[in-house]
Amino acid sequence: MSARLDPSWFVLASRESVDGLRCVDTFRRPDGSFGFEEFRRDPEDMGAWTPVAYFSSAAYASRVEADAAAERAVSWLSPDGV
C-alpha cells in the first residue's frame, strides 16, 4: 500500500490497466466517505506502486460517486481510454 493511502482506509477495488503498469484503488474511509487514487508501477522501482496524482484528498459520499470521478479523471479507465 502506498504511503499516500492512510492504513485506516479500506480498499474496495483495485482496477489495473491492460498493460499492468497503472492501477486505480477505490477506498472507504472510517468516516464513511469514499475516494480513489491512481498508481503506476515502474521496473526501476522494482514493481512498487507509486501514486501519480493527489486524487485521494477528495471525498465522495458514495462508492458510485468515487468511481465516476475516477473514470472522469483517469483517461484509461473510461471506455475511450488508452
N, C-alpha and C. Protein backbone atom coordinates (compact mmCIF):
# COMPACT_ATOMS: atom_id res chain seq x y z
N MET A 1 0.85 -1.19 0.00
CA MET A 1 0.00 0.00 0.00
C MET A 1 0.89 1.24 0.00
N SER A 2 0.47 2.21 -0.77
CA SER A 2 1.24 3.44 -0.86
C SER A 2 1.17 4.24 0.43
N ALA A 3 2.21 5.01 0.68
CA ALA A 3 2.22 5.89 1.85
C ALA A 3 1.14 6.95 1.73
N ARG A 4 0.67 7.23 0.52
CA ARG A 4 -0.37 8.24 0.34
C ARG A 4 -1.72 7.76 0.86
N LEU A 5 -1.95 6.45 0.93
CA LEU A 5 -3.21 5.92 1.45
C LEU A 5 -3.06 5.63 2.93
N ASP A 6 -3.93 6.23 3.70
CA ASP A 6 -3.94 6.02 5.15
C ASP A 6 -4.25 4.54 5.43
N PRO A 7 -3.54 3.91 6.35
CA PRO A 7 -3.80 2.49 6.64
C PRO A 7 -5.21 2.22 7.16
N SER A 8 -5.90 3.25 7.65
CA SER A 8 -7.27 3.03 8.14
C SER A 8 -8.30 3.03 7.00
N TRP A 9 -7.88 3.38 5.79
CA TRP A 9 -8.78 3.38 4.65
C TRP A 9 -8.88 1.96 4.10
N PHE A 10 -10.09 1.52 3.81
CA PHE A 10 -10.33 0.16 3.33
C PHE A 10 -10.47 0.17 1.81
N VAL A 11 -9.55 -0.51 1.12
CA VAL A 11 -9.59 -0.57 -0.34
C VAL A 11 -10.71 -1.52 -0.76
N LEU A 12 -11.64 -0.99 -1.55
CA LEU A 12 -12.79 -1.75 -2.02
C LEU A 12 -12.53 -2.42 -3.36
N ALA A 13 -11.75 -1.76 -4.20
CA ALA A 13 -11.46 -2.30 -5.53
C ALA A 13 -10.14 -1.72 -6.02
N SER A 14 -9.45 -2.51 -6.81
CA SER A 14 -8.21 -2.07 -7.44
C SER A 14 -8.31 -2.47 -8.91
N ARG A 15 -8.39 -1.47 -9.78
CA ARG A 15 -8.54 -1.73 -11.22
C ARG A 15 -7.23 -1.44 -11.92
N GLU A 16 -6.72 -2.43 -12.66
CA GLU A 16 -5.44 -2.31 -13.35
C GLU A 16 -5.64 -2.03 -14.83
N SER A 17 -4.68 -1.29 -15.39
CA SER A 17 -4.69 -1.06 -16.84
C SER A 17 -4.35 -2.38 -17.54
N VAL A 18 -4.65 -2.44 -18.83
CA VAL A 18 -4.40 -3.64 -19.62
C VAL A 18 -2.93 -4.05 -19.57
N ASP A 19 -2.03 -3.08 -19.58
CA ASP A 19 -0.60 -3.40 -19.56
C ASP A 19 -0.05 -3.69 -18.16
N GLY A 20 -0.90 -3.53 -17.13
CA GLY A 20 -0.49 -3.83 -15.76
C GLY A 20 0.43 -2.80 -15.13
N LEU A 21 0.60 -1.65 -15.78
CA LEU A 21 1.53 -0.64 -15.26
C LEU A 21 0.83 0.48 -14.49
N ARG A 22 -0.48 0.50 -14.52
CA ARG A 22 -1.25 1.52 -13.79
C ARG A 22 -2.38 0.83 -13.04
N CYS A 23 -2.80 1.43 -11.94
CA CYS A 23 -3.99 0.95 -11.25
C CYS A 23 -4.67 2.11 -10.54
N VAL A 24 -5.95 1.93 -10.29
CA VAL A 24 -6.73 2.89 -9.51
C VAL A 24 -7.38 2.11 -8.37
N ASP A 25 -7.14 2.56 -7.15
CA ASP A 25 -7.77 1.98 -5.97
C ASP A 25 -8.93 2.87 -5.55
N THR A 26 -10.08 2.25 -5.29
CA THR A 26 -11.23 2.93 -4.70
C THR A 26 -11.30 2.48 -3.25
N PHE A 27 -11.48 3.42 -2.33
CA PHE A 27 -11.43 3.07 -0.90
C PHE A 27 -12.53 3.78 -0.11
N ARG A 28 -12.76 3.25 1.10
CA ARG A 28 -13.69 3.86 2.05
C ARG A 28 -12.90 4.27 3.29
N ARG A 29 -13.17 5.48 3.76
CA ARG A 29 -12.53 5.99 4.98
C ARG A 29 -13.38 5.64 6.20
N PRO A 30 -12.80 5.67 7.40
CA PRO A 30 -13.56 5.39 8.62
C PRO A 30 -14.75 6.32 8.82
N ASP A 31 -14.69 7.55 8.27
CA ASP A 31 -15.81 8.48 8.44
C ASP A 31 -16.97 8.19 7.48
N GLY A 32 -16.81 7.17 6.63
CA GLY A 32 -17.86 6.79 5.69
C GLY A 32 -17.73 7.42 4.31
N SER A 33 -16.77 8.30 4.13
CA SER A 33 -16.57 8.90 2.81
C SER A 33 -15.74 7.94 1.94
N PHE A 34 -15.75 8.20 0.64
CA PHE A 34 -15.05 7.36 -0.32
C PHE A 34 -14.05 8.20 -1.11
N GLY A 35 -13.08 7.54 -1.70
CA GLY A 35 -12.10 8.23 -2.52
C GLY A 35 -11.42 7.26 -3.46
N PHE A 36 -10.47 7.78 -4.22
CA PHE A 36 -9.69 6.94 -5.13
C PHE A 36 -8.31 7.55 -5.31
N GLU A 37 -7.39 6.71 -5.78
CA GLU A 37 -6.05 7.17 -6.12
C GLU A 37 -5.54 6.34 -7.28
N GLU A 38 -4.74 6.98 -8.14
CA GLU A 38 -4.10 6.29 -9.27
C GLU A 38 -2.63 6.05 -8.93
N PHE A 39 -2.13 4.89 -9.36
CA PHE A 39 -0.74 4.49 -9.11
C PHE A 39 -0.11 3.99 -10.40
N ARG A 40 1.22 4.02 -10.44
CA ARG A 40 1.97 3.43 -11.55
C ARG A 40 2.98 2.45 -10.97
N ARG A 41 3.40 1.51 -11.81
CA ARG A 41 4.41 0.53 -11.42
C ARG A 41 5.51 0.59 -12.47
N ASP A 42 6.73 0.93 -12.06
CA ASP A 42 7.85 1.06 -12.98
C ASP A 42 8.92 0.02 -12.66
N PRO A 43 9.54 -0.54 -13.69
CA PRO A 43 10.60 -1.54 -13.46
C PRO A 43 11.72 -1.02 -12.56
N GLU A 44 12.09 0.25 -12.73
CA GLU A 44 13.19 0.79 -11.93
C GLU A 44 12.84 0.92 -10.44
N ASP A 45 11.53 0.86 -10.13
CA ASP A 45 11.09 0.89 -8.74
C ASP A 45 10.85 -0.52 -8.20
N MET A 46 11.32 -1.51 -8.96
CA MET A 46 11.18 -2.92 -8.59
C MET A 46 9.72 -3.32 -8.38
N GLY A 47 8.82 -2.75 -9.19
CA GLY A 47 7.42 -3.14 -9.15
C GLY A 47 6.58 -2.49 -8.08
N ALA A 48 7.15 -1.58 -7.30
CA ALA A 48 6.39 -0.90 -6.25
C ALA A 48 5.37 0.05 -6.88
N TRP A 49 4.19 0.12 -6.28
CA TRP A 49 3.15 1.04 -6.76
C TRP A 49 3.44 2.44 -6.22
N THR A 50 3.48 3.41 -7.13
CA THR A 50 3.78 4.80 -6.79
C THR A 50 2.60 5.67 -7.17
N PRO A 51 2.09 6.50 -6.25
CA PRO A 51 0.98 7.39 -6.61
C PRO A 51 1.40 8.38 -7.69
N VAL A 52 0.47 8.68 -8.60
CA VAL A 52 0.79 9.60 -9.69
C VAL A 52 0.02 10.91 -9.61
N ALA A 53 -0.92 11.02 -8.69
CA ALA A 53 -1.73 12.23 -8.56
C ALA A 53 -2.14 12.39 -7.11
N TYR A 54 -2.89 13.42 -6.83
CA TYR A 54 -3.37 13.66 -5.47
C TYR A 54 -4.88 13.53 -5.41
N PHE A 55 -5.41 12.51 -6.10
CA PHE A 55 -6.85 12.28 -6.12
C PHE A 55 -7.39 11.87 -4.74
N SER A 56 -6.57 11.25 -3.92
CA SER A 56 -7.04 10.70 -2.65
C SER A 56 -7.48 11.76 -1.65
N SER A 57 -7.18 13.02 -1.91
CA SER A 57 -7.59 14.08 -0.98
C SER A 57 -9.06 14.45 -1.14
N ALA A 58 -9.68 14.09 -2.26
CA ALA A 58 -11.10 14.39 -2.48
C ALA A 58 -11.97 13.34 -1.78
N ALA A 59 -13.12 13.77 -1.28
CA ALA A 59 -14.04 12.86 -0.60
C ALA A 59 -15.38 12.84 -1.34
N TYR A 60 -15.96 11.65 -1.44
CA TYR A 60 -17.24 11.45 -2.12
C TYR A 60 -18.20 10.75 -1.17
N ALA A 61 -19.48 10.99 -1.37
CA ALA A 61 -20.50 10.44 -0.48
C ALA A 61 -20.76 8.96 -0.71
N SER A 62 -20.41 8.45 -1.89
CA SER A 62 -20.67 7.04 -2.19
C SER A 62 -19.56 6.47 -3.06
N ARG A 63 -19.51 5.15 -3.10
CA ARG A 63 -18.54 4.49 -3.97
C ARG A 63 -18.86 4.80 -5.43
N VAL A 64 -20.14 4.85 -5.77
CA VAL A 64 -20.54 5.16 -7.14
C VAL A 64 -19.99 6.52 -7.57
N GLU A 65 -20.09 7.51 -6.68
CA GLU A 65 -19.55 8.85 -6.98
C GLU A 65 -18.03 8.81 -7.13
N ALA A 66 -17.35 8.07 -6.26
CA ALA A 66 -15.89 7.98 -6.34
C ALA A 66 -15.45 7.29 -7.63
N ASP A 67 -16.15 6.21 -8.00
CA ASP A 67 -15.81 5.51 -9.23
C ASP A 67 -16.06 6.40 -10.45
N ALA A 68 -17.16 7.13 -10.45
CA ALA A 68 -17.46 8.03 -11.57
C ALA A 68 -16.40 9.13 -11.69
N ALA A 69 -15.98 9.68 -10.55
CA ALA A 69 -14.94 10.71 -10.56
C ALA A 69 -13.63 10.13 -11.08
N ALA A 70 -13.31 8.90 -10.69
CA ALA A 70 -12.08 8.26 -11.16
C ALA A 70 -12.13 8.08 -12.68
N GLU A 71 -13.27 7.68 -13.20
CA GLU A 71 -13.39 7.49 -14.65
C GLU A 71 -13.27 8.80 -15.41
N ARG A 72 -13.70 9.90 -14.80
CA ARG A 72 -13.53 11.22 -15.43
C ARG A 72 -12.07 11.69 -15.36
N ALA A 73 -11.40 11.38 -14.27
CA ALA A 73 -10.05 11.89 -14.03
C ALA A 73 -8.94 11.05 -14.65
N VAL A 74 -9.16 9.76 -14.80
CA VAL A 74 -8.12 8.85 -15.26
C VAL A 74 -8.53 8.32 -16.64
N SER A 75 -7.87 8.81 -17.67
CA SER A 75 -8.30 8.55 -19.05
C SER A 75 -8.39 7.07 -19.41
N TRP A 76 -7.48 6.24 -18.93
CA TRP A 76 -7.51 4.84 -19.33
C TRP A 76 -8.65 4.06 -18.69
N LEU A 77 -9.34 4.61 -17.69
CA LEU A 77 -10.50 3.93 -17.09
C LEU A 77 -11.77 4.12 -17.92
N SER A 78 -11.81 5.20 -18.69
CA SER A 78 -13.02 5.48 -19.47
C SER A 78 -13.11 4.53 -20.67
N PRO A 79 -14.30 4.33 -21.20
CA PRO A 79 -14.46 3.44 -22.36
C PRO A 79 -13.60 3.86 -23.55
N ASP A 80 -13.31 5.16 -23.68
CA ASP A 80 -12.47 5.65 -24.78
C ASP A 80 -10.99 5.65 -24.43
N GLY A 81 -10.66 5.23 -23.21
CA GLY A 81 -9.29 5.35 -22.69
C GLY A 81 -8.27 4.49 -23.42
N VAL A 82 -7.05 4.72 -23.03
CA VAL A 82 -5.90 4.04 -23.63
C VAL A 82 -5.86 2.60 -23.17
